[in-house]
Structures are given as C-alpha cells and as structure tokens.
C-alpha cells in the first residue's frame, strides 16, 4: 500500500509538468533606453531555434514563452523556427519589430497543426501497448 501511495505522489507531478520552459534573453546588461519584447507561441514548440538579427540566441529548446530584455532602441528582425516532424507544414516565422524607449511589446507566433500521420502513429502505439500489456491481464482471470 505504501509503495502505491509513494508511486502515486512521484508520478502525479510528472504528469502535470511540462517540458516547455519560459526563456529569458538579456541583450545587454544596462537598461537605459531599452525595451522589452515577449514572444508567445500559440502552443509550446519543440526543437526551436531563434535568431535575432542573424545571431542565434536559442538552439534546439522547448519554448513556452521567450522574453527579450534590454533591447536597445531600433528595428529588429527575428527568425523563429521549429523543426518538429509532427507538424503538417514547416514552421519558420520571420518577425520584424521596432523597439522604443521603455516599450513593452508582445508578439504572438502561430504554430501549424499536428499532422494526421502523427495521430495515426500515436493511435497505433497506444492500441499496441493496450493489447500487449492489458489484454493478458484480462484473459488471465
């Protein structure tokens, strides 16, 4: 009984946790005449690469939100790409935003839907696991 309760309290937080994270990138240490930009994808993205003015700032991460802090006044180009094979189409977004003094902006990035092949694959894996692991328990009684 104690092992079931122990396993329950160990596994329960893992089920409700997410692998995607909130990332913060500080462009420069001083914050005079700077702004802040928050990038929010509609759904968390995996295998994500982010380039700001052709400089790679995030490589192969799972992103829930990305906050760019202390960006000096000016215009920036950002490339937000996610190379997840489960998406129907490639995910490569180019954003252009202008930062002004003490400005706070939010940019929302659209994410392509999951392909139907992924759902077929997930269904086959789930049904196979059910057949292999659960069905012998039913017939053993």
Protein backbone atom coordinates (compact mmCIF):
# COMPACT_ATOMS: atom_id res chain seq x y z
CA UNK A 1 0.00 0.00 0.00
CA UNK A 2 2.83 2.37 0.85
CA UNK A 3 4.58 1.72 -2.46
CA UNK A 4 1.39 2.54 -4.40
CA UNK A 5 0.98 5.78 -2.50
CA UNK A 6 4.66 6.61 -2.96
CA UNK A 7 4.49 5.92 -6.71
CA UNK A 8 1.30 7.99 -6.95
CA UNK A 9 2.96 11.04 -5.37
CA UNK A 10 6.07 10.64 -7.54
CA UNK A 11 4.25 10.15 -10.86
CA UNK A 12 1.45 12.71 -10.33
CA UNK A 13 3.69 15.83 -10.51
CA UNK A 14 5.40 14.43 -13.61
CA UNK A 15 2.06 14.07 -15.38
CA UNK A 16 1.14 17.71 -14.78
CA UNK A 17 4.55 19.17 -15.55
CA UNK A 18 5.58 20.46 -18.93
CA UNK A 19 8.91 20.14 -20.66
CA UNK A 20 8.50 23.53 -22.33
CA UNK A 21 10.04 26.45 -20.50
CA UNK A 22 9.90 30.21 -20.27
CA UNK A 23 13.20 31.56 -21.61
CA UNK A 24 14.71 34.97 -20.86
CA UNK A 25 17.39 36.55 -23.04
CA UNK A 26 19.14 39.73 -21.90
CA UNK A 27 20.60 41.60 -24.87
CA UNK A 28 22.83 43.93 -22.84
CA UNK A 29 23.47 44.49 -19.12
CA UNK A 30 22.45 48.17 -18.94
CA UNK A 31 18.78 49.01 -19.20
CA UNK A 32 18.91 52.70 -20.22
CA UNK A 33 16.94 53.47 -23.42
CA UNK A 34 15.86 49.88 -23.87
CA UNK A 35 12.66 47.94 -24.36
CA UNK A 36 11.24 44.50 -23.76
CA UNK A 37 9.64 42.06 -26.21
CA UNK A 38 7.75 38.91 -25.23
CA UNK A 39 7.31 36.20 -27.87
CA UNK A 40 4.45 33.79 -27.20
CA UNK A 41 3.77 30.83 -29.49
CA UNK A 42 0.14 29.69 -29.61
CA UNK A 43 1.27 26.23 -28.42
CA UNK A 44 4.63 25.28 -26.89
CA UNK A 45 7.13 24.45 -29.61
CA UNK A 46 9.87 21.85 -29.52
CA UNK A 47 13.17 21.70 -31.42
CA UNK A 48 13.04 25.50 -31.65
CA UNK A 49 15.75 27.81 -32.98
CA UNK A 50 15.57 31.59 -32.60
CA UNK A 51 17.77 34.09 -34.42
CA UNK A 52 17.80 37.81 -33.58
CA UNK A 53 19.43 39.94 -36.29
CA UNK A 54 21.12 36.82 -37.72
CA UNK A 55 22.60 35.83 -34.33
CA UNK A 56 21.47 32.53 -32.88
CA UNK A 57 20.12 33.07 -29.36
CA UNK A 58 18.16 29.85 -28.73
CA UNK A 59 19.10 26.44 -30.13
CA UNK A 60 17.06 23.23 -30.00
CA UNK A 61 14.87 24.10 -26.99
CA UNK A 62 11.24 23.54 -25.98
CA UNK A 63 9.76 27.03 -25.67
CA UNK A 64 6.59 28.15 -23.93
CA UNK A 65 7.49 31.87 -23.94
CA UNK A 66 10.58 33.87 -24.88
CA UNK A 67 11.32 37.23 -23.26
CA UNK A 68 13.91 39.52 -24.83
CA UNK A 69 15.05 42.11 -22.30
CA UNK A 70 17.17 45.26 -22.56
CA UNK A 71 16.87 45.59 -26.33
CA UNK A 72 18.26 48.99 -27.40
CA UNK A 73 16.15 51.39 -29.45
CA UNK A 74 15.90 50.20 -33.06
CA UNK A 75 14.34 47.78 -35.51
CA UNK A 76 14.98 44.06 -35.17
CA UNK A 77 14.37 41.03 -37.34
CA UNK A 78 13.77 37.70 -35.70
CA UNK A 79 13.50 34.22 -37.16
CA UNK A 80 11.51 31.72 -35.09
CA UNK A 81 11.83 28.18 -36.46
CA UNK A 82 10.67 24.86 -35.04
CA UNK A 83 11.74 21.64 -36.72
CA UNK A 84 9.21 19.24 -35.24
CA UNK A 85 8.35 16.42 -37.67
CA UNK A 86 4.83 16.15 -36.21
CA UNK A 87 3.73 19.47 -37.77
CA UNK A 88 1.80 19.46 -41.06
CA UNK A 89 3.95 22.24 -42.52
CA UNK A 90 7.35 23.64 -41.74
CA UNK A 91 7.35 26.26 -39.02
CA UNK A 92 9.59 29.17 -39.92
CA UNK A 93 8.34 32.64 -38.97
CA UNK A 94 10.07 35.94 -39.65
CA UNK A 95 9.11 38.79 -37.32
CA UNK A 96 10.10 42.43 -37.61
CA UNK A 97 9.53 44.65 -34.61
CA UNK A 98 10.56 48.13 -33.55
CA UNK A 99 11.74 48.76 -30.01
CA UNK A 100 11.34 52.20 -28.50
CA UNK A 101 12.47 53.55 -25.14
CA UNK A 102 10.78 51.75 -22.23
CA UNK A 103 8.40 49.93 -24.58
CA UNK A 104 6.91 46.55 -23.79
CA UNK A 105 5.62 44.52 -26.73
CA UNK A 106 4.05 41.12 -27.13
CA UNK A 107 4.37 39.15 -30.36
CA UNK A 108 2.21 36.07 -30.89
CA UNK A 109 3.61 33.34 -33.13
CA UNK A 110 1.25 30.94 -34.88
CA UNK A 111 2.05 27.24 -34.84
CA UNK A 112 0.98 24.82 -37.60
CA UNK A 113 -1.38 22.00 -36.63
CA UNK A 114 -0.21 18.49 -35.91
CA UNK A 115 -0.31 16.24 -38.97
CA UNK A 116 -2.82 13.42 -39.23
CA UNK A 117 0.03 10.92 -39.66
CA UNK A 118 1.17 11.74 -36.13
CA UNK A 119 -2.28 10.95 -34.71
CA UNK A 120 -2.43 7.66 -36.63
CA UNK A 121 1.02 6.74 -35.31
CA UNK A 122 0.04 7.69 -31.73
CA UNK A 123 -3.18 5.66 -32.02
CA UNK A 124 -1.32 2.58 -33.26
CA UNK A 125 1.25 2.81 -30.47
CA UNK A 126 -1.48 3.25 -27.84
CA UNK A 127 -3.56 0.33 -29.12
CA UNK A 128 -0.48 -1.89 -29.37
CA UNK A 129 0.52 -1.10 -25.79
CA UNK A 130 -3.04 -1.78 -24.65
CA UNK A 131 -3.10 -5.13 -26.44
CA UNK A 132 0.32 -6.22 -25.19
CA UNK A 133 0.07 -5.04 -21.59
CA UNK A 134 -3.60 -5.05 -20.59
CA UNK A 135 -5.24 -7.85 -22.57
CA UNK A 136 -3.17 -10.67 -20.97
CA UNK A 137 -4.36 -9.46 -17.57
CA UNK A 138 -7.99 -9.76 -18.65
CA UNK A 139 -7.59 -13.28 -20.06
CA UNK A 140 -5.53 -14.49 -17.08
CA UNK A 141 -8.58 -14.38 -14.80
